[in-house]
Amino acid sequence: LKTKPPLFGRWKESLFCVNKDGLLQQLKIGEPKKIARTFHLSRFQILDYSTIINKRFCFALINRDKEPTIFQASSEEEFEKWLEIFNRFSNMMSTHLDMEVFTLGAIASNTEGIIVAVNQEACRITGYSQDELIGQNVKIIVPPVLASIHDELISRYLRTRDKR
């Protein structure tokens, strides 16, 4: 699997194994007996993330207390196998993003800047309802000085991965 931080990190190849108790362990490359990270799968929502980041075979582990960890399988077969494994250990498998796991206002958009999910706190902060936000360009909540260049900022980031 490849894995990356949620926003601006780069994809990195990683080795993972799952034990019978539902612990997903990320092993250190070159040192397979050393564990880099452990995820208790029963504590996470598993989400098909492919449409959110516009990459095939992606899913995320989402925990209320931390940012999501995003994974990408190399094939549809590998993707289906991992989802099957995760589904075994989590009763929170989902094909939609449950934004209510985030305690702060949260808005998710796809690579075109279209809002795909929001939580109630984000609605309270922005003054818009979920129905009013979902499907709209994120520019409707961006300060006017940035709204005019927001699409270009997204395009540049997708081309260059430059975070500025």
C-alpha atoms as a PDB file:
ATOM      1  CA  LEU A   1       0.000   0.000   0.000  1.00  0.00           C
ATOM      2  CA  LYS A   2       0.937   3.615  -0.413  1.00  0.00           C
ATOM      3  CA  THR A   3       0.054   6.023   2.363  1.00  0.00           C
ATOM      4  CA  LYS A   4       0.117   9.775   2.831  1.00  0.00           C
ATOM      5  CA  PRO A   5      -0.882  12.519   5.231  1.00  0.00           C
ATOM      6  CA  PRO A   6      -4.269  14.064   4.401  1.00  0.00           C
ATOM      7  CA  LEU A   7      -3.413  17.377   2.809  1.00  0.00           C
ATOM      8  CA  PHE A   8      -0.044  18.020   1.279  1.00  0.00           C
ATOM      9  CA  GLY A   9       2.155  15.021   2.004  1.00  0.00           C
ATOM     10  CA  ARG A  10       3.660  12.777  -0.639  1.00  0.00           C
ATOM     11  CA  TRP A  11       2.681   9.167  -1.290  1.00  0.00           C
ATOM     12  CA  LYS A  12       5.105   6.651   0.264  1.00  0.00           C
ATOM     13  CA  GLU A  13       5.234   2.903  -0.231  1.00  0.00           C
ATOM     14  CA  SER A  14       4.611   1.108   3.055  1.00  0.00           C
ATOM     15  CA  LEU A  15       4.344  -2.441   4.346  1.00  0.00           C
ATOM     16  CA  PHE A  16       1.332  -3.320   6.486  1.00  0.00           C
ATOM     17  CA  CYS A  17       0.055  -6.386   8.279  1.00  0.00           C
ATOM     18  CA  VAL A  18      -3.129  -7.029  10.225  1.00  0.00           C
ATOM     19  CA  ASN A  19      -3.207  -9.386  13.176  1.00  0.00           C
ATOM     20  CA  LYS A  20      -6.163 -11.445  14.387  1.00  0.00           C
ATOM     21  CA  ASP A  21      -7.121  -8.748  16.925  1.00  0.00           C
ATOM     22  CA  GLY A  22      -7.611  -6.077  14.266  1.00  0.00           C
ATOM     23  CA  LEU A  23      -4.347  -4.227  14.772  1.00  0.00           C
ATOM     24  CA  LEU A  24      -3.028  -2.796  11.520  1.00  0.00           C
ATOM     25  CA  GLN A  25       0.711  -2.394  11.822  1.00  0.00           C
ATOM     26  CA  GLN A  26       2.870  -0.296   9.528  1.00  0.00           C
ATOM     27  CA  LEU A  27       6.302  -1.872   9.337  1.00  0.00           C
ATOM     28  CA  LYS A  28       9.505   0.055   8.767  1.00  0.00           C
ATOM     29  CA  ILE A  29      10.873  -0.444   5.256  1.00  0.00           C
ATOM     30  CA  GLY A  30      14.198  -2.264   5.497  1.00  0.00           C
ATOM     31  CA  GLU A  31      13.455  -3.265   9.095  1.00  0.00           C
ATOM     32  CA  PRO A  32      10.348  -5.476   8.817  1.00  0.00           C
ATOM     33  CA  LYS A  33      10.471  -6.489  12.481  1.00  0.00           C
ATOM     34  CA  LYS A  34      10.160  -2.857  13.618  1.00  0.00           C
ATOM     35  CA  ILE A  35       6.709  -1.298  13.809  1.00  0.00           C
ATOM     36  CA  ALA A  36       6.364   2.323  12.721  1.00  0.00           C
ATOM     37  CA  ARG A  37       2.660   2.789  13.595  1.00  0.00           C
ATOM     38  CA  THR A  38      -0.250   0.754  14.879  1.00  0.00           C
ATOM     39  CA  PHE A  39      -3.916   1.381  14.094  1.00  0.00           C
ATOM     40  CA  HIS A  40      -6.673  -0.227  16.179  1.00  0.00           C
ATOM     41  CA  LEU A  41      -9.146  -0.782  13.341  1.00  0.00           C
ATOM     42  CA  SER A  42     -12.188  -0.964  15.614  1.00  0.00           C
ATOM     43  CA  ARG A  43     -11.591   2.703  16.548  1.00  0.00           C
ATOM     44  CA  PHE A  44     -11.689   3.997  12.984  1.00  0.00           C
ATOM     45  CA  GLN A  45     -14.253   4.752  10.351  1.00  0.00           C
ATOM     46  CA  ILE A  46     -13.129   3.234   7.050  1.00  0.00           C
ATOM     47  CA  LEU A  47     -13.966   5.363   4.049  1.00  0.00           C
ATOM     48  CA  ASP A  48     -13.687   4.883   0.294  1.00  0.00           C
ATOM     49  CA  TYR A  49     -11.744   8.081  -0.432  1.00  0.00           C
ATOM     50  CA  SER A  50     -11.319   7.676  -4.208  1.00  0.00           C
ATOM     51  CA  THR A  51     -13.899  10.274  -5.235  1.00  0.00           C
ATOM     52  CA  ILE A  52     -12.794  12.777  -2.605  1.00  0.00           C
ATOM     53  CA  ILE A  53      -9.184  12.995  -3.792  1.00  0.00           C
ATOM     54  CA  ASN A  54      -9.875  11.885  -7.369  1.00  0.00           C
ATOM     55  CA  LYS A  55      -7.460   8.922  -7.294  1.00  0.00           C
ATOM     56  CA  ARG A  56      -8.422   5.311  -7.856  1.00  0.00           C
ATOM     57  CA  PHE A  57      -8.276   2.655  -5.129  1.00  0.00           C
ATOM     58  CA  CYS A  58      -7.973   5.078  -2.185  1.00  0.00           C
ATOM     59  CA  PHE A  59      -9.450   4.729   1.264  1.00  0.00           C
ATOM     60  CA  ALA A  60      -8.941   6.479   4.565  1.00  0.00           C
ATOM     61  CA  LEU A  61      -8.932   5.565   8.228  1.00  0.00           C
ATOM     62  CA  ILE A  62     -10.705   8.318  10.123  1.00  0.00           C
ATOM     63  CA  ASN A  63     -10.463   8.757  13.873  1.00  0.00           C
ATOM     64  CA  ARG A  64     -12.279  11.465  15.832  1.00  0.00           C
ATOM     65  CA  ASP A  65      -9.061  12.638  17.509  1.00  0.00           C
ATOM     66  CA  LYS A  66      -6.672  12.762  14.555  1.00  0.00           C
ATOM     67  CA  GLU A  67      -6.405  13.638  10.888  1.00  0.00           C
ATOM     68  CA  PRO A  68      -7.333  10.846   8.471  1.00  0.00           C
ATOM     69  CA  THR A  69      -4.627   8.566   7.148  1.00  0.00           C
ATOM     70  CA  ILE A  70      -5.051   7.988   3.422  1.00  0.00           C
ATOM     71  CA  PHE A  71      -4.087   4.745   1.683  1.00  0.00           C
ATOM     72  CA  GLN A  72      -3.868   3.803  -1.983  1.00  0.00           C
ATOM     73  CA  ALA A  73      -3.868   0.231  -3.228  1.00  0.00           C
ATOM     74  CA  SER A  74      -2.078  -0.639  -6.467  1.00  0.00           C
ATOM     75  CA  SER A  75      -5.045  -2.442  -8.022  1.00  0.00           C
ATOM     76  CA  GLU A  76      -8.775  -2.954  -7.667  1.00  0.00           C
ATOM     77  CA  GLU A  77      -8.133  -6.453  -6.326  1.00  0.00           C
ATOM     78  CA  GLU A  78      -5.802  -5.175  -3.599  1.00  0.00           C
ATOM     79  CA  PHE A  79      -8.257  -2.364  -2.793  1.00  0.00           C
ATOM     80  CA  GLU A  80     -11.144  -4.845  -2.371  1.00  0.00           C
ATOM     81  CA  LYS A  81      -8.997  -7.135  -0.178  1.00  0.00           C
ATOM     82  CA  TRP A  82      -8.058  -4.309   2.183  1.00  0.00           C
ATOM     83  CA  LEU A  83     -11.636  -3.077   2.428  1.00  0.00           C
ATOM     84  CA  GLU A  84     -12.743  -6.630   3.224  1.00  0.00           C
ATOM     85  CA  ILE A  85     -10.105  -6.877   5.981  1.00  0.00           C
ATOM     86  CA  PHE A  86     -11.054  -3.508   7.445  1.00  0.00           C
ATOM     87  CA  ASN A  87     -14.740  -4.337   7.285  1.00  0.00           C
ATOM     88  CA  ARG A  88     -14.085  -7.429   9.396  1.00  0.00           C
ATOM     89  CA  PHE A  89     -12.742  -5.340  12.258  1.00  0.00           C
ATOM     90  CA  SER A  90     -14.818  -2.192  12.008  1.00  0.00           C
ATOM     91  CA  ASN A  91     -18.555  -1.727  12.162  1.00  0.00           C
ATOM     92  CA  MET A  92     -18.079   1.753  10.751  1.00  0.00           C
ATOM     93  CA  MET A  93     -17.300   0.906   7.110  1.00  0.00           C
ATOM     94  CA  SER A  94     -18.700   3.659   4.958  1.00  0.00           C
ATOM     95  CA  THR A  95     -18.860   4.803   1.371  1.00  0.00           C
ATOM     96  CA  HIS A  96     -19.554   8.356   2.510  1.00  0.00           C
ATOM     97  CA  LEU A  97     -17.594  10.681   4.726  1.00  0.00           C
ATOM     98  CA  ASP A  98     -19.106  10.977   8.194  1.00  0.00           C
ATOM     99  CA  MET A  99     -18.020  14.510   8.949  1.00  0.00           C
ATOM    100  CA  GLU A 100     -19.547  14.400  12.427  1.00  0.00           C
ATOM    101  CA  VAL A 101     -16.509  12.444  13.676  1.00  0.00           C
ATOM    102  CA  PHE A 102     -14.678  15.792  13.593  1.00  0.00           C
ATOM    103  CA  THR A 103     -15.358  18.062  16.582  1.00  0.00           C
ATOM    104  CA  LEU A 104     -14.330  21.277  14.773  1.00  0.00           C
ATOM    105  CA  GLY A 105     -15.948  22.649  11.647  1.00  0.00           C
ATOM    106  CA  ALA A 106     -14.911  20.428   8.732  1.00  0.00           C
ATOM    107  CA  ILE A 107     -15.480  20.765   4.996  1.00  0.00           C
ATOM    108  CA  ALA A 108     -14.204  18.293   2.398  1.00  0.00           C
ATOM    109  CA  SER A 109     -13.895  19.174  -1.273  1.00  0.00           C
ATOM    110  CA  ASN A 110     -12.747  17.228  -4.305  1.00  0.00           C
ATOM    111  CA  THR A 111      -9.884  18.232  -6.605  1.00  0.00           C
ATOM    112  CA  GLU A 112     -12.180  20.576  -8.544  1.00  0.00           C
ATOM    113  CA  GLY A 113     -12.995  22.491  -5.350  1.00  0.00           C
ATOM    114  CA  ILE A 114     -16.555  21.144  -5.142  1.00  0.00           C
ATOM    115  CA  ILE A 115     -17.745  20.558  -1.576  1.00  0.00           C
ATOM    116  CA  VAL A 116     -18.564  16.878  -1.064  1.00  0.00           C
ATOM    117  CA  ALA A 117     -19.162  16.782   2.724  1.00  0.00           C
ATOM    118  CA  VAL A 118     -19.604  19.131   5.700  1.00  0.00           C
ATOM    119  CA  ASN A 119     -20.382  18.701   9.357  1.00  0.00           C
ATOM    120  CA  GLN A 120     -22.913  20.587  11.471  1.00  0.00           C
ATOM    121  CA  GLU A 121     -20.247  22.717  13.136  1.00  0.00           C
ATOM    122  CA  ALA A 122     -19.092  23.972   9.714  1.00  0.00           C
ATOM    123  CA  CYS A 123     -22.696  24.835   8.914  1.00  0.00           C
ATOM    124  CA  ARG A 124     -23.002  26.766  12.158  1.00  0.00           C
ATOM    125  CA  ILE A 125     -19.770  28.684  11.438  1.00  0.00           C
ATOM    126  CA  THR A 126     -20.603  29.517   7.806  1.00  0.00           C
ATOM    127  CA  GLY A 127     -24.332  30.116   8.240  1.00  0.00           C
ATOM    128  CA  TYR A 128     -25.137  27.723   5.377  1.00  0.00           C
ATOM    129  CA  SER A 129     -27.024  24.408   5.626  1.00  0.00           C
ATOM    130  CA  GLN A 130     -25.500  21.145   4.383  1.00  0.00           C
ATOM    131  CA  ASP A 131     -27.847  21.226   1.388  1.00  0.00           C
ATOM    132  CA  GLU A 132     -26.671  24.729   0.524  1.00  0.00           C
ATOM    133  CA  LEU A 133     -22.968  23.797   0.721  1.00  0.00           C
ATOM    134  CA  ILE A 134     -22.730  20.309  -0.809  1.00  0.00           C
ATOM    135  CA  GLY A 135     -22.207  20.518  -4.548  1.00  0.00           C
ATOM    136  CA  GLN A 136     -21.052  24.150  -4.435  1.00  0.00           C
ATOM    137  CA  ASN A 137     -17.529  25.389  -5.116  1.00  0.00           C
ATOM    138  CA  VAL A 138     -15.631  25.959  -1.885  1.00  0.00           C
ATOM    139  CA  LYS A 139     -15.108  29.554  -3.025  1.00  0.00           C
ATOM    140  CA  ILE A 140     -18.512  30.440  -1.535  1.00  0.00           C
ATOM    141  CA  ILE A 141     -16.930  30.260   1.945  1.00  0.00           C
ATOM    142  CA  VAL A 142     -13.451  31.546   1.031  1.00  0.00           C
ATOM    143  CA  PRO A 143     -12.742  35.230   1.751  1.00  0.00           C
ATOM    144  CA  PRO A 144     -13.372  37.329  -1.397  1.00  0.00           C
ATOM    145  CA  VAL A 145      -9.704  38.274  -1.737  1.00  0.00           C
ATOM    146  CA  LEU A 146      -8.838  34.555  -2.165  1.00  0.00           C
ATOM    147  CA  ALA A 147     -12.004  33.403  -3.952  1.00  0.00           C
ATOM    148  CA  SER A 148     -10.931  34.945  -7.255  1.00  0.00           C
ATOM    149  CA  ILE A 149      -7.681  32.933  -7.292  1.00  0.00           C
ATOM    150  CA  HIS A 150      -8.791  29.805  -5.425  1.00  0.00           C
ATOM    151  CA  ASP A 151      -9.308  27.639  -8.551  1.00  0.00           C
ATOM    152  CA  GLU A 152      -5.830  28.562  -9.774  1.00  0.00           C
ATOM    153  CA  LEU A 153      -4.344  27.686  -6.371  1.00  0.00           C
ATOM    154  CA  ILE A 154      -5.959  24.239  -6.517  1.00  0.00           C
ATOM    155  CA  SER A 155      -4.803  23.719 -10.133  1.00  0.00           C
ATOM    156  CA  ARG A 156      -1.258  24.774  -9.328  1.00  0.00           C
ATOM    157  CA  TYR A 157      -1.117  22.477  -6.314  1.00  0.00           C
ATOM    158  CA  LEU A 158      -2.408  19.506  -8.342  1.00  0.00           C
ATOM    159  CA  ARG A 159       0.207  20.186 -11.055  1.00  0.00           C
ATOM    160  CA  THR A 160       3.205  20.932  -8.850  1.00  0.00           C
ATOM    161  CA  ARG A 161       2.299  19.750  -5.324  1.00  0.00           C
ATOM    162  CA  ASP A 162       3.635  23.139  -4.213  1.00  0.00           C
ATOM    163  CA  LYS A 163       1.759  24.111  -1.033  1.00  0.00           C
ATOM    164  CA  ARG A 164       2.252  27.864  -1.360  1.00  0.00           C
END
